[in-house]
C-alpha atoms as a PDB file:
ATOM      1  CA  MET A   1     -17.527 -16.829 -31.919  1.00  0.00           C
ATOM      2  CA  ILE A   2     -15.386 -14.087 -29.617  1.00  0.00           C
ATOM      3  CA  ASN A   3     -16.058 -10.384 -30.663  1.00  0.00           C
ATOM      4  CA  PRO A   4     -12.820  -8.534 -30.410  1.00  0.00           C
ATOM      5  CA  ASP A   5     -14.740  -5.258 -29.890  1.00  0.00           C
ATOM      6  CA  VAL A   6     -16.147  -6.770 -26.601  1.00  0.00           C
ATOM      7  CA  ARG A   7     -13.837  -6.681 -23.617  1.00  0.00           C
ATOM      8  CA  TRP A   8     -13.847  -7.498 -20.051  1.00  0.00           C
ATOM      9  CA  SER A   9     -13.211  -4.617 -17.884  1.00  0.00           C
ATOM     10  CA  CYS A  10     -12.524  -3.443 -14.427  1.00  0.00           C
ATOM     11  CA  ALA A  11     -13.555  -0.126 -13.010  1.00  0.00           C
ATOM     12  CA  ALA A  12     -13.547   1.868  -9.850  1.00  0.00           C
ATOM     13  CA  GLN A  13     -15.749   4.811  -8.676  1.00  0.00           C
ATOM     14  CA  ILE A  14     -14.252   6.891  -5.855  1.00  0.00           C
ATOM     15  CA  ASP A  15     -16.904   9.203  -4.466  1.00  0.00           C
ATOM     16  CA  LEU A  16     -16.588  12.028  -1.864  1.00  0.00           C
ATOM     17  CA  LEU A  17     -19.052  11.344   0.964  1.00  0.00           C
ATOM     18  CA  GLY A  18     -21.679  14.084   1.817  1.00  0.00           C
ATOM     19  CA  PHE A  19     -20.827  16.423  -1.005  1.00  0.00           C
ATOM     20  CA  SER A  20     -24.108  17.173  -2.090  1.00  0.00           C
ATOM     21  CA  ASN A  21     -25.320  17.771   1.379  1.00  0.00           C
ATOM     22  CA  HIS A  22     -22.256  20.006   1.817  1.00  0.00           C
ATOM     23  CA  ILE A  23     -23.640  22.137  -0.888  1.00  0.00           C
ATOM     24  CA  MET A  24     -27.207  22.008   0.516  1.00  0.00           C
ATOM     25  CA  VAL A  25     -25.763  23.378   3.747  1.00  0.00           C
ATOM     26  CA  ALA A  26     -24.514  26.271   1.807  1.00  0.00           C
ATOM     27  CA  ASN A  27     -28.156  26.662   0.391  1.00  0.00           C
ATOM     28  CA  CYS A  28     -26.502  25.909  -3.030  1.00  0.00           C
ATOM     29  CA  ASP A  29     -24.592  29.089  -2.917  1.00  0.00           C
ATOM     30  CA  ILE A  30     -20.801  28.181  -3.700  1.00  0.00           C
ATOM     31  CA  ARG A  31     -19.901  31.915  -3.097  1.00  0.00           C
ATOM     32  CA  THR A  32     -20.397  31.373   0.620  1.00  0.00           C
ATOM     33  CA  GLU A  33     -17.705  30.171   2.984  1.00  0.00           C
ATOM     34  CA  THR A  34     -19.266  26.868   3.255  1.00  0.00           C
ATOM     35  CA  GLY A  35     -19.957  26.416  -0.327  1.00  0.00           C
ATOM     36  CA  GLY A  36     -16.068  27.318  -1.054  1.00  0.00           C
ATOM     37  CA  GLN A  37     -15.155  24.670   1.601  1.00  0.00           C
ATOM     38  CA  ALA A  38     -17.230  22.150  -0.284  1.00  0.00           C
ATOM     39  CA  ILE A  39     -15.555  22.997  -3.650  1.00  0.00           C
ATOM     40  CA  GLU A  40     -12.199  23.006  -1.949  1.00  0.00           C
ATOM     41  CA  ARG A  41     -12.888  19.302  -1.200  1.00  0.00           C
ATOM     42  CA  LEU A  42     -12.356  18.550  -4.845  1.00  0.00           C
ATOM     43  CA  ASN A  43      -8.651  19.450  -4.782  1.00  0.00           C
ATOM     44  CA  SER A  44      -7.832  15.991  -2.902  1.00  0.00           C
ATOM     45  CA  LEU A  45      -9.028  14.268  -6.144  1.00  0.00           C
ATOM     46  CA  GLU A  46      -6.680  16.433  -8.455  1.00  0.00           C
ATOM     47  CA  LYS A  47      -3.800  15.953  -6.208  1.00  0.00           C
ATOM     48  CA  ALA A  48      -4.186  12.311  -6.271  1.00  0.00           C
ATOM     49  CA  ILE A  49      -4.250  12.229  -9.986  1.00  0.00           C
ATOM     50  CA  GLN A  50      -1.240  14.373 -10.267  1.00  0.00           C
ATOM     51  CA  LEU A  51       0.605  12.207  -7.758  1.00  0.00           C
ATOM     52  CA  PHE A  52      -0.109   8.726  -9.698  1.00  0.00           C
ATOM     53  CA  GLU A  53       0.395  10.559 -13.105  1.00  0.00           C
ATOM     54  CA  ASN A  54       3.984  11.512 -12.020  1.00  0.00           C
ATOM     55  CA  GLU A  55       4.599   8.331 -10.516  1.00  0.00           C
ATOM     56  CA  LYS A  56       3.419   6.354 -13.641  1.00  0.00           C
ATOM     57  CA  ASN A  57       5.886   8.463 -15.747  1.00  0.00           C
ATOM     58  CA  GLU A  58       8.734   7.554 -13.464  1.00  0.00           C
ATOM     59  CA  TYR A  59       7.892   3.822 -12.734  1.00  0.00           C
ATOM     60  CA  PRO A  60       5.600   2.452 -15.287  1.00  0.00           C
ATOM     61  CA  GLN A  61       6.277  -0.940 -14.291  1.00  0.00           C
ATOM     62  CA  LEU A  62       3.901  -0.415 -11.307  1.00  0.00           C
ATOM     63  CA  TYR A  63       1.054   0.383 -13.458  1.00  0.00           C
ATOM     64  CA  PRO A  64      -1.520  -1.658 -15.395  1.00  0.00           C
ATOM     65  CA  ASN A  65      -1.675  -1.486 -19.057  1.00  0.00           C
ATOM     66  CA  GLY A  66      -4.129   0.816 -20.661  1.00  0.00           C
ATOM     67  CA  LEU A  67      -5.289   2.749 -17.602  1.00  0.00           C
ATOM     68  CA  GLU A  68      -8.061   5.241 -18.137  1.00  0.00           C
ATOM     69  CA  TYR A  69      -9.359   7.773 -15.632  1.00  0.00           C
ATOM     70  CA  PHE A  70     -11.399  10.966 -15.323  1.00  0.00           C
ATOM     71  CA  ARG A  71     -12.862  13.077 -12.650  1.00  0.00           C
ATOM     72  CA  PHE A  72     -16.550  14.146 -12.888  1.00  0.00           C
ATOM     73  CA  ASN A  73     -17.393  16.593 -10.150  1.00  0.00           C
ATOM     74  CA  ASP A  74     -16.808  14.874  -6.751  1.00  0.00           C
ATOM     75  CA  ALA A  75     -16.127  11.509  -8.149  1.00  0.00           C
ATOM     76  CA  LEU A  76     -12.898  10.005  -9.689  1.00  0.00           C
ATOM     77  CA  PHE A  77     -13.483   6.936 -12.157  1.00  0.00           C
ATOM     78  CA  LEU A  78     -10.797   4.623 -13.208  1.00  0.00           C
ATOM     79  CA  GLY A  79     -10.788   1.512 -15.324  1.00  0.00           C
ATOM     80  CA  ILE A  80      -8.703  -0.969 -17.527  1.00  0.00           C
ATOM     81  CA  ASP A  81      -9.504  -3.590 -20.192  1.00  0.00           C
ATOM     82  CA  ILE A  82      -8.210  -6.902 -19.527  1.00  0.00           C
ATOM     83  CA  GLU A  83      -6.804  -9.022 -22.267  1.00  0.00           C
ATOM     84  CA  ASN A  84      -6.637 -12.829 -22.324  1.00  0.00           C
ATOM     85  CA  LEU A  85      -9.231 -12.930 -19.633  1.00  0.00           C
ATOM     86  CA  ALA A  86     -13.055 -13.168 -20.122  1.00  0.00           C
ATOM     87  CA  PRO A  87     -15.947 -14.936 -18.895  1.00  0.00           C
ATOM     88  CA  PRO A  88     -17.064 -18.048 -20.745  1.00  0.00           C
ATOM     89  CA  ILE A  89     -19.565 -17.391 -23.776  1.00  0.00           C
ATOM     90  CA  GLY A  90     -22.975 -16.910 -22.442  1.00  0.00           C
ATOM     91  CA  GLN A  91     -22.010 -15.531 -18.991  1.00  0.00           C
ATOM     92  CA  THR A  92     -20.763 -12.328 -17.788  1.00  0.00           C
ATOM     93  CA  ARG A  93     -18.652 -13.433 -14.806  1.00  0.00           C
ATOM     94  CA  LEU A  94     -15.519 -15.204 -14.336  1.00  0.00           C
ATOM     95  CA  SER A  95     -15.705 -18.828 -13.591  1.00  0.00           C
ATOM     96  CA  GLY A  96     -12.572 -19.125 -11.483  1.00  0.00           C
ATOM     97  CA  GLY A  97     -11.261 -21.967 -13.727  1.00  0.00           C
ATOM     98  CA  PHE A  98      -8.887 -22.281 -16.760  1.00  0.00           C
ATOM     99  CA  SER A  99      -9.602 -23.400 -20.293  1.00  0.00           C
ATOM    100  CA  ILE A 100      -7.332 -26.018 -21.894  1.00  0.00           C
ATOM    101  CA  GLU A 101      -6.008 -23.251 -24.142  1.00  0.00           C
ATOM    102  CA  GLN A 102      -5.352 -20.956 -21.080  1.00  0.00           C
ATOM    103  CA  LEU A 103      -3.539 -23.646 -19.389  1.00  0.00           C
ATOM    104  CA  ARG A 104      -1.328 -23.975 -22.509  1.00  0.00           C
ATOM    105  CA  GLU A 105      -0.691 -20.196 -22.603  1.00  0.00           C
ATOM    106  CA  ILE A 106       0.364 -20.187 -18.872  1.00  0.00           C
ATOM    107  CA  SER A 107       3.450 -22.292 -19.246  1.00  0.00           C
ATOM    108  CA  LYS A 108       5.903 -23.134 -22.070  1.00  0.00           C
ATOM    109  CA  GLN A 109       6.406 -26.581 -23.108  1.00  0.00           C
ATOM    110  CA  ASP A 110       9.814 -26.480 -21.085  1.00  0.00           C
ATOM    111  CA  GLY A 111       7.967 -25.943 -18.162  1.00  0.00           C
ATOM    112  CA  LYS A 112       9.064 -22.391 -17.503  1.00  0.00           C
ATOM    113  CA  SER A 113       6.625 -19.759 -16.625  1.00  0.00           C
ATOM    114  CA  ASP A 114       5.687 -17.367 -19.577  1.00  0.00           C
ATOM    115  CA  PRO A 115       3.631 -14.593 -17.864  1.00  0.00           C
ATOM    116  CA  SER A 116       3.562 -12.124 -20.857  1.00  0.00           C
ATOM    117  CA  GLY A 117       0.268 -12.515 -22.576  1.00  0.00           C
ATOM    118  CA  THR A 118      -1.327 -14.965 -20.241  1.00  0.00           C
ATOM    119  CA  VAL A 119      -4.115 -15.069 -17.667  1.00  0.00           C
ATOM    120  CA  ALA A 120      -1.443 -14.766 -15.178  1.00  0.00           C
ATOM    121  CA  ASP A 121      -0.358 -11.526 -16.839  1.00  0.00           C
ATOM    122  CA  ALA A 122      -3.959 -10.480 -16.898  1.00  0.00           C
ATOM    123  CA  GLY A 123      -4.346 -11.176 -13.188  1.00  0.00           C
ATOM    124  CA  GLY A 124      -1.188  -9.037 -12.508  1.00  0.00           C
ATOM    125  CA  ASN A 125      -2.722  -6.015 -14.267  1.00  0.00           C
ATOM    126  CA  VAL A 126      -5.854  -6.405 -12.324  1.00  0.00           C
ATOM    127  CA  ALA A 127      -3.583  -6.601  -9.150  1.00  0.00           C
ATOM    128  CA  LYS A 128      -1.869  -3.406 -10.101  1.00  0.00           C
ATOM    129  CA  PHE A 129      -5.051  -1.502 -10.996  1.00  0.00           C
ATOM    130  CA  LEU A 130      -6.762  -2.583  -7.609  1.00  0.00           C
ATOM    131  CA  GLY A 131      -3.478  -1.523  -5.696  1.00  0.00           C
ATOM    132  CA  LEU A 132      -3.434   1.896  -7.445  1.00  0.00           C
ATOM    133  CA  VAL A 133      -7.297   2.424  -6.463  1.00  0.00           C
ATOM    134  CA  ALA A 134      -6.534   1.451  -2.783  1.00  0.00           C
ATOM    135  CA  ARG A 135      -3.706   3.923  -2.750  1.00  0.00           C
ATOM    136  CA  ILE A 136      -5.717   6.795  -4.148  1.00  0.00           C
ATOM    137  CA  HIS A 137      -8.509   5.867  -1.884  1.00  0.00           C
ATOM    138  CA  LYS A 138      -6.328   5.960   1.158  1.00  0.00           C
ATOM    139  CA  TYR A 139      -4.731   9.165   0.104  1.00  0.00           C
ATOM    140  CA  ILE A 140      -8.143  11.130  -0.337  1.00  0.00           C
ATOM    141  CA  ASN A 141      -9.227   9.875   2.774  1.00  0.00           C
ATOM    142  CA  ALA A 142      -6.055  11.132   4.674  1.00  0.00           C
ATOM    143  CA  CYS A 143      -6.589  14.739   2.954  1.00  0.00           C
ATOM    144  CA  GLU A 144     -10.148  14.700   3.956  1.00  0.00           C
ATOM    145  CA  PHE A 145      -9.596  13.802   7.731  1.00  0.00           C
ATOM    146  CA  GLU A 146      -6.983  16.526   8.118  1.00  0.00           C
ATOM    147  CA  LYS A 147      -9.872  18.873   7.684  1.00  0.00           C
ATOM    148  CA  SER A 148     -12.669  16.825   9.475  1.00  0.00           C
ATOM    149  CA  PHE A 149     -14.410  15.784   6.206  1.00  0.00           C
ATOM    150  CA  PRO A 150     -16.158  12.318   6.011  1.00  0.00           C
ATOM    151  CA  GLY A 151     -13.642  10.909   3.360  1.00  0.00           C
ATOM    152  CA  CYS A 152     -14.539   8.614   0.278  1.00  0.00           C
ATOM    153  CA  ARG A 153     -16.245   5.615  -0.637  1.00  0.00           C
ATOM    154  CA  THR A 154     -14.875   3.440  -3.336  1.00  0.00           C
ATOM    155  CA  VAL A 155     -16.573   0.506  -5.129  1.00  0.00           C
ATOM    156  CA  VAL A 156     -14.357  -1.616  -7.605  1.00  0.00           C
ATOM    157  CA  ALA A 157     -16.481  -3.994  -9.983  1.00  0.00           C
ATOM    158  CA  SER A 158     -16.088  -5.690 -13.292  1.00  0.00           C
ATOM    159  CA  GLY A 159     -18.037  -6.233 -16.590  1.00  0.00           C
ATOM    160  CA  LEU A 160     -18.319  -6.541 -20.183  1.00  0.00           C
ATOM    161  CA  ARG A 161     -17.451  -3.513 -22.336  1.00  0.00           C
ATOM    162  CA  LYS A 162     -18.307  -2.757 -25.955  1.00  0.00           C
ATOM    163  CA  CYS A 163     -15.894  -0.531 -27.964  1.00  0.00           C
ATOM    164  CA  PHE A 164     -17.863   2.436 -28.636  1.00  0.00           C
ATOM    165  CA  ASN A 165     -16.523   5.045 -31.034  1.00  0.00           C
ATOM    166  CA  THR A 166     -17.247   8.811 -30.609  1.00  0.00           C
ATOM    167  CA  ARG A 167     -18.202  11.113 -33.592  1.00  0.00           C
ATOM    168  CA  LYS A 168     -14.486  11.767 -33.667  1.00  0.00           C
ATOM    169  CA  GLY A 169     -13.586   8.056 -34.215  1.00  0.00           C
ATOM    170  CA  LYS A 170     -11.955   7.605 -30.720  1.00  0.00           C
ATOM    171  CA  ASP A 171     -13.018   4.621 -28.707  1.00  0.00           C
ATOM    172  CA  ASP A 172     -14.725   6.017 -25.412  1.00  0.00           C
ATOM    173  CA  PHE A 173     -13.819   3.595 -22.610  1.00  0.00           C
ATOM    174  CA  PHE A 174     -16.469   5.024 -20.352  1.00  0.00           C
ATOM    175  CA  SER A 175     -19.237   4.342 -22.675  1.00  0.00           C
ATOM    176  CA  ALA A 176     -21.113   0.772 -23.170  1.00  0.00           C
ATOM    177  CA  ASN A 177     -18.976  -0.073 -20.224  1.00  0.00           C
ATOM    178  CA  PHE A 178     -20.847  -2.299 -17.639  1.00  0.00           C
ATOM    179  CA  SER A 179     -18.206  -2.415 -15.124  1.00  0.00           C
ATOM    180  CA  ILE A 180     -18.570   1.346 -14.591  1.00  0.00           C
ATOM    181  CA  SER A 181     -22.451   0.666 -14.482  1.00  0.00           C
ATOM    182  CA  THR A 182     -22.122  -2.017 -11.746  1.00  0.00           C
ATOM    183  CA  ALA A 183     -19.694  -0.089  -9.672  1.00  0.00           C
ATOM    184  CA  TYR A 184     -22.058   3.057  -9.906  1.00  0.00           C
ATOM    185  CA  GLU A 185     -25.210   1.102  -8.909  1.00  0.00           C
ATOM    186  CA  ALA A 186     -23.588  -0.419  -5.889  1.00  0.00           C
ATOM    187  CA  GLU A 187     -22.205   2.728  -4.846  1.00  0.00           C
ATOM    188  CA  THR A 188     -25.691   4.421  -5.310  1.00  0.00           C
ATOM    189  CA  LYS A 189     -27.232   1.585  -3.177  1.00  0.00           C
ATOM    190  CA  GLY A 190     -25.002   2.682  -0.340  1.00  0.00           C
ATOM    191  CA  SER A 191     -25.766   1.830   3.363  1.00  0.00           C
ATOM    192  CA  SER A 192     -29.125   0.298   2.652  1.00  0.00           C
ATOM    193  CA  ALA A 193     -27.100  -2.562   0.732  1.00  0.00           C
ATOM    194  CA  GLY A 194     -24.221  -2.722   3.134  1.00  0.00           C
ATOM    195  CA  ILE A 195     -21.921  -0.394   1.085  1.00  0.00           C
ATOM    196  CA  LYS A 196     -21.118   1.692   4.250  1.00  0.00           C
ATOM    197  CA  GLY A 197     -19.016   4.504   5.488  1.00  0.00           C
ATOM    198  CA  ASN A 198     -15.440   5.584   3.933  1.00  0.00           C
ATOM    199  CA  HIS A 199     -14.320   2.017   2.934  1.00  0.00           C
ATOM    200  CA  LEU A 200     -13.369   0.333  -0.237  1.00  0.00           C
ATOM    201  CA  TYR A 201     -15.508  -2.451  -1.522  1.00  0.00           C
ATOM    202  CA  VAL A 202     -14.552  -4.949  -4.049  1.00  0.00           C
ATOM    203  CA  GLU A 203     -16.670  -7.383  -6.340  1.00  0.00           C
ATOM    204  CA  ASP A 204     -15.611 -11.032  -6.137  1.00  0.00           C
ATOM    205  CA  ASP A 205     -14.897 -11.301  -9.916  1.00  0.00           C
ATOM    206  CA  ILE A 206     -12.151  -8.652  -9.142  1.00  0.00           C
ATOM    207  CA  ALA A 207     -10.519 -11.133  -6.706  1.00  0.00           C
ATOM    208  CA  VAL A 208     -11.025 -14.207  -9.184  1.00  0.00           C
ATOM    209  CA  ALA A 209      -9.051 -12.488 -11.703  1.00  0.00           C
ATOM    210  CA  ILE A 210      -6.207 -11.642  -9.353  1.00  0.00           C
ATOM    211  CA  SER A 211      -6.204 -15.213  -8.119  1.00  0.00           C
ATOM    212  CA  TYR A 212      -4.512 -16.167 -11.580  1.00  0.00           C
ATOM    213  CA  CYS A 213      -1.411 -14.224 -10.465  1.00  0.00           C
ATOM    214  CA  GLN A 214       0.143 -16.236  -7.559  1.00  0.00           C
ATOM    215  CA  PRO A 215       2.215 -13.705  -5.782  1.00  0.00           C
ATOM    216  CA  ALA A 216      -0.607 -11.151  -6.205  1.00  0.00           C
ATOM    217  CA  TYR A 217      -3.073 -13.697  -4.986  1.00  0.00           C
ATOM    218  CA  ALA A 218      -1.149 -14.275  -1.781  1.00  0.00           C
ATOM    219  CA  ILE A 219      -1.259 -10.542  -0.883  1.00  0.00           C
ATOM    220  CA  LEU A 220      -4.792 -10.280  -1.852  1.00  0.00           C
ATOM    221  CA  GLY A 221      -5.523 -12.965   0.588  1.00  0.00           C
ATOM    222  CA  PHE A 222      -4.395 -10.760   3.644  1.00  0.00           C
ATOM    223  CA  SER A 223      -6.614  -8.073   2.477  1.00  0.00           C
ATOM    224  CA  LYS A 224      -9.741  -9.656   4.025  1.00  0.00           C
ATOM    225  CA  PHE A 225      -8.375  -8.887   7.462  1.00  0.00           C
ATOM    226  CA  VAL A 226      -9.780  -5.456   8.738  1.00  0.00           C
ATOM    227  CA  ASN A 227      -8.204  -3.726  11.428  1.00  0.00           C
ATOM    228  CA  THR A 228     -10.169  -2.881  14.492  1.00  0.00           C
ATOM    229  CA  LYS A 229      -8.410  -0.386  16.681  1.00  0.00           C
ATOM    230  CA  SER A 230      -8.854  -0.502  20.317  1.00  0.00           C
ATOM    231  CA  SER A 231      -7.693   2.018  23.144  1.00  0.00           C
ATOM    232  CA  LEU A 232      -4.224   1.449  24.561  1.00  0.00           C
ATOM    233  CA  VAL A 233      -5.837   0.998  28.056  1.00  0.00           C
ATOM    234  CA  THR A 234      -8.775  -1.172  28.949  1.00  0.00           C
ATOM    235  CA  PRO A 235     -10.408   0.492  32.002  1.00  0.00           C
ATOM    236  CA  TYR A 236     -11.476  -2.739  33.768  1.00  0.00           C
ATOM    237  CA  GLU A 237      -8.525  -4.912  32.936  1.00  0.00           C
ATOM    238  CA  TYR A 238      -5.214  -4.656  34.588  1.00  0.00           C
ATOM    239  CA  ARG A 239      -2.072  -5.509  33.058  1.00  0.00           C
ATOM    240  CA  HIS A 240       1.272  -5.728  34.556  1.00  0.00           C
ATOM    241  CA  LYS A 241       3.752  -3.130  33.381  1.00  0.00           C
ATOM    242  CA  GLU A 242       5.935  -5.635  31.697  1.00  0.00           C
ATOM    243  CA  THR A 243       3.019  -6.616  29.270  1.00  0.00           C
ATOM    244  CA  ILE A 244       1.967  -5.028  26.031  1.00  0.00           C
ATOM    245  CA  PRO A 245      -1.637  -4.299  25.853  1.00  0.00           C
ATOM    246  CA  PRO A 246      -3.045  -5.367  22.306  1.00  0.00           C
ATOM    247  CA  ARG A 247      -3.363  -2.170  20.223  1.00  0.00           C
ATOM    248  CA  SER A 248      -5.814  -3.817  17.738  1.00  0.00           C
ATOM    249  CA  THR A 249      -7.632  -6.786  16.791  1.00  0.00           C
ATOM    250  CA  TRP A 250      -8.557  -8.188  13.350  1.00  0.00           C
ATOM    251  CA  SER A 251     -11.905  -9.423  11.890  1.00  0.00           C
ATOM    252  CA  VAL A 252     -13.177 -10.480   8.538  1.00  0.00           C
ATOM    253  CA  SER A 253     -16.093  -8.468   7.163  1.00  0.00           C
ATOM    254  CA  SER A 254     -19.192 -10.292   5.800  1.00  0.00           C
ATOM    255  CA  SER A 255     -19.854 -10.542   2.127  1.00  0.00           C
ATOM    256  CA  ILE A 256     -22.376  -8.191   0.554  1.00  0.00           C
ATOM    257  CA  GLU A 257     -24.753  -9.608  -1.972  1.00  0.00           C
ATOM    258  CA  MET A 258     -27.046  -7.378  -4.111  1.00  0.00           C
ATOM    259  CA  ASP A 259     -29.075  -7.430  -7.307  1.00  0.00           C
ATOM    260  CA  ILE A 260     -27.813  -5.142 -10.171  1.00  0.00           C
ATOM    261  CA  MET A 261     -29.170  -5.110 -13.518  1.00  0.00           C
ATOM    262  CA  LYS A 262     -30.945  -8.481 -12.673  1.00  0.00           C
ATOM    263  CA  LYS A 263     -27.677 -10.253 -11.885  1.00  0.00           C
ATOM    264  CA  ARG A 264     -26.293 -11.040  -8.409  1.00  0.00           C
ATOM    265  CA  HIS A 265     -22.985  -9.486  -7.238  1.00  0.00           C
ATOM    266  CA  THR A 266     -21.003 -10.249  -4.266  1.00  0.00           C
ATOM    267  CA  PHE A 267     -18.772  -7.317  -2.732  1.00  0.00           C
ATOM    268  CA  ARG A 268     -16.638  -7.269   0.201  1.00  0.00           C
ATOM    269  CA  ARG A 269     -14.928  -4.443   2.140  1.00  0.00           C
ATOM    270  CA  LEU A 270     -11.262  -5.055   1.836  1.00  0.00           C
ATOM    271  CA  ASN A 271      -8.169  -3.666   3.794  1.00  0.00           C
ATOM    272  CA  THR A 272      -6.836  -0.698   1.765  1.00  0.00           C
ATOM    273  CA  SER A 273      -3.350  -0.738   3.393  1.00  0.00           C
ATOM    274  CA  VAL A 274      -2.879  -4.209   2.609  1.00  0.00           C
ATOM    275  CA  LEU A 275      -4.088  -3.681  -0.967  1.00  0.00           C
ATOM    276  CA  SER A 276      -1.523  -0.960  -1.493  1.00  0.00           C
ATOM    277  CA  ASN A 277       1.015  -3.636  -1.635  1.00  0.00           C
ATOM    278  CA  LEU A 278      -0.323  -5.111  -4.714  1.00  0.00           C
ATOM    279  CA  GLN A 279       1.531  -2.687  -7.223  1.00  0.00           C
ATOM    280  CA  LEU A 280       4.633  -3.937  -5.742  1.00  0.00           C
ATOM    281  CA  PHE A 281       4.170  -7.816  -6.150  1.00  0.00           C
ATOM    282  CA  GLN A 282       6.965  -8.061  -8.679  1.00  0.00           C
ATOM    283  CA  GLU A 283       9.345  -5.975  -6.694  1.00  0.00           C
ATOM    284  CA  TYR A 284       8.705  -8.075  -3.693  1.00  0.00           C
ATOM    285  CA  GLU A 285       9.234 -11.218  -5.796  1.00  0.00           C
ATOM    286  CA  ASN A 286      12.712  -9.816  -6.715  1.00  0.00           C
ATOM    287  CA  PHE A 287      13.657 -10.301  -3.012  1.00  0.00           C
ATOM    288  CA  LYS A 288      14.560 -14.061  -3.907  1.00  0.00           C
ATOM    289  CA  HIS A 289      17.507 -12.777  -6.069  1.00  0.00           C
ATOM    290  CA  SER A 290      19.177 -10.882  -3.220  1.00  0.00           C
ATOM    291  CA  GLU A 291      20.650 -11.341   0.339  1.00  0.00           C
ATOM    292  CA  ASN A 292      17.706 -10.760   2.616  1.00  0.00           C
ATOM    293  CA  ASP A 293      17.167  -9.279   6.051  1.00  0.00           C
ATOM    294  CA  GLU A 294      14.704 -10.660   8.382  1.00  0.00           C
ATOM    295  CA  LEU A 295      11.596  -8.591   6.952  1.00  0.00           C
ATOM    296  CA  GLU A 296      12.390  -9.588   3.392  1.00  0.00           C
ATOM    297  CA  LYS A 297      12.529 -13.319   4.375  1.00  0.00           C
ATOM    298  CA  GLN A 298       8.979 -12.867   5.854  1.00  0.00           C
ATOM    299  CA  VAL A 299       7.691 -10.981   2.913  1.00  0.00           C
ATOM    300  CA  LEU A 300       9.030 -14.055   0.780  1.00  0.00           C
ATOM    301  CA  ASN A 301       7.437 -16.546   3.178  1.00  0.00           C
ATOM    302  CA  SER A 302       4.078 -14.706   3.112  1.00  0.00           C
ATOM    303  CA  LEU A 303       4.166 -14.740  -0.881  1.00  0.00           C
ATOM    304  CA  ASN A 304       4.805 -18.609  -0.672  1.00  0.00           C
ATOM    305  CA  SER A 305       2.480 -19.564   2.111  1.00  0.00           C
ATOM    306  CA  SER A 306      -1.433 -19.980   2.460  1.00  0.00           C
ATOM    307  CA  THR A 307      -3.655 -17.197   3.808  1.00  0.00           C
ATOM    308  CA  PRO A 308      -3.453 -17.722   7.764  1.00  0.00           C
ATOM    309  CA  LEU A 309      -6.634 -18.331   9.776  1.00  0.00           C
ATOM    310  CA  LEU A 310      -8.141 -15.293  11.574  1.00  0.00           C
ATOM    311  CA  GLU A 311      -7.331 -16.726  15.040  1.00  0.00           C
ATOM    312  CA  ASP A 312      -3.722 -17.106  13.839  1.00  0.00           C
ATOM    313  CA  VAL A 313      -3.659 -13.452  12.742  1.00  0.00           C
ATOM    314  CA  ASN A 314      -4.852 -12.243  16.227  1.00  0.00           C
ATOM    315  CA  LYS A 315      -2.287 -14.457  18.023  1.00  0.00           C
ATOM    316  CA  LYS A 316       0.764 -13.045  16.201  1.00  0.00           C
ATOM    317  CA  SER A 317       3.604 -12.170  18.500  1.00  0.00           C
ATOM    318  CA  LYS A 318       5.591  -9.814  16.173  1.00  0.00           C
ATOM    319  CA  ILE A 319       4.567  -7.146  13.512  1.00  0.00           C
ATOM    320  CA  THR A 320       6.736  -9.108  11.060  1.00  0.00           C
ATOM    321  CA  ASP A 321       5.002 -12.346  11.317  1.00  0.00           C
ATOM    322  CA  TYR A 322       2.661 -11.042   8.841  1.00  0.00           C
ATOM    323  CA  PRO A 323       4.202  -8.155   7.125  1.00  0.00           C
ATOM    324  CA  PHE A 324       1.464  -7.374   4.647  1.00  0.00           C
ATOM    325  CA  LEU A 325      -0.868  -6.515   7.481  1.00  0.00           C
ATOM    326  CA  SER A 326       1.586  -3.755   8.422  1.00  0.00           C
ATOM    327  CA  LEU A 327       3.265  -2.593   5.125  1.00  0.00           C
ATOM    328  CA  ARG A 328       1.380   0.349   3.296  1.00  0.00           C
ATOM    329  CA  PHE A 329       2.758   2.008   0.028  1.00  0.00           C
ATOM    330  CA  LYS A 330       1.251   5.524   0.244  1.00  0.00           C
ATOM    331  CA  LEU A 331       0.487   7.375  -2.895  1.00  0.00           C
ATOM    332  CA  ASP A 332       2.740  10.277  -1.927  1.00  0.00           C
ATOM    333  CA  MET A 333       5.557   8.130  -1.054  1.00  0.00           C
ATOM    334  CA  ASP A 334       8.621   7.550  -3.396  1.00  0.00           C
ATOM    335  CA  LEU A 335       9.315   4.083  -4.474  1.00  0.00           C
ATOM    336  CA  PRO A 336      12.940   3.994  -3.624  1.00  0.00           C
ATOM    337  CA  HIS A 337      11.997   5.701  -0.154  1.00  0.00           C
ATOM    338  CA  PHE A 338       9.426   2.906   0.597  1.00  0.00           C
ATOM    339  CA  PHE A 339      12.338   0.328   0.347  1.00  0.00           C
ATOM    340  CA  GLY A 340      14.809   2.237   2.186  1.00  0.00           C
ATOM    341  CA  LYS A 341      17.052   3.278  -0.640  1.00  0.00           C
END
């Protein structure tokens, strides 16, 4: 029997790196110049919140339903409940398959897609959530780098949540929520478990949920390719002036497995620039209803093609061959401006 008070949730923890050490360097005295610099770092979190709140008011279609968030000191937590999507009874993880009832919900009897209230709709909500988290992560890192600070680390995880009412009768999303617990525990394990640096790590169940939404799944596939920047000049490799040296190569990060609360979880470092496009998957789909330039055609082609092999990505001759590796929807960029309107 399904308990309506128990939901499958997604949560993200975005944490400023080295914040506690920064305070310790100031001898825990925030009145000093160094202590003041540490506190100043919190502004990047507040600015990010202000940016997406304003955008959400203007373009609500880009945002998942029921977005919850709050900042606690140097960490920002975000989360959503996912309707029409939950692990089988007796399990806490998604199976990656459909039940007969879910398959009936995906399409109407006349064969036309009916996304509202289906697992495809649920997958789209998870995609928009992850896209937003990636944009926030990227924005905070940019703010941090401008002042030579180490940036932030983000962990996105899933889990069951029991609706918990406060003494005032309000459902507290962040209580009895094991997606939050999983994200927190993974981030706490840190470098010793493979969660390193100022990167974004995503639990595999999040990706499984997004796979139910075909266009978002196509974009997600490119996020496994991590850009490895290289210098413009290789000291011991002469190239004729008519040739262009490669500016970067791509790699795929290994999966990271860890036990959290006696359960095995798998995380992967993903490309935040690619993930930023997830909030726009519906806008990209609309390209098929208009006259397209070359870039729009390549976007549509990528939405309807299998994820390329790593060797093919590294052999690409034009930047538009795989547009999602180059497109980035910044948090401080206006939507019409992104599309050149």
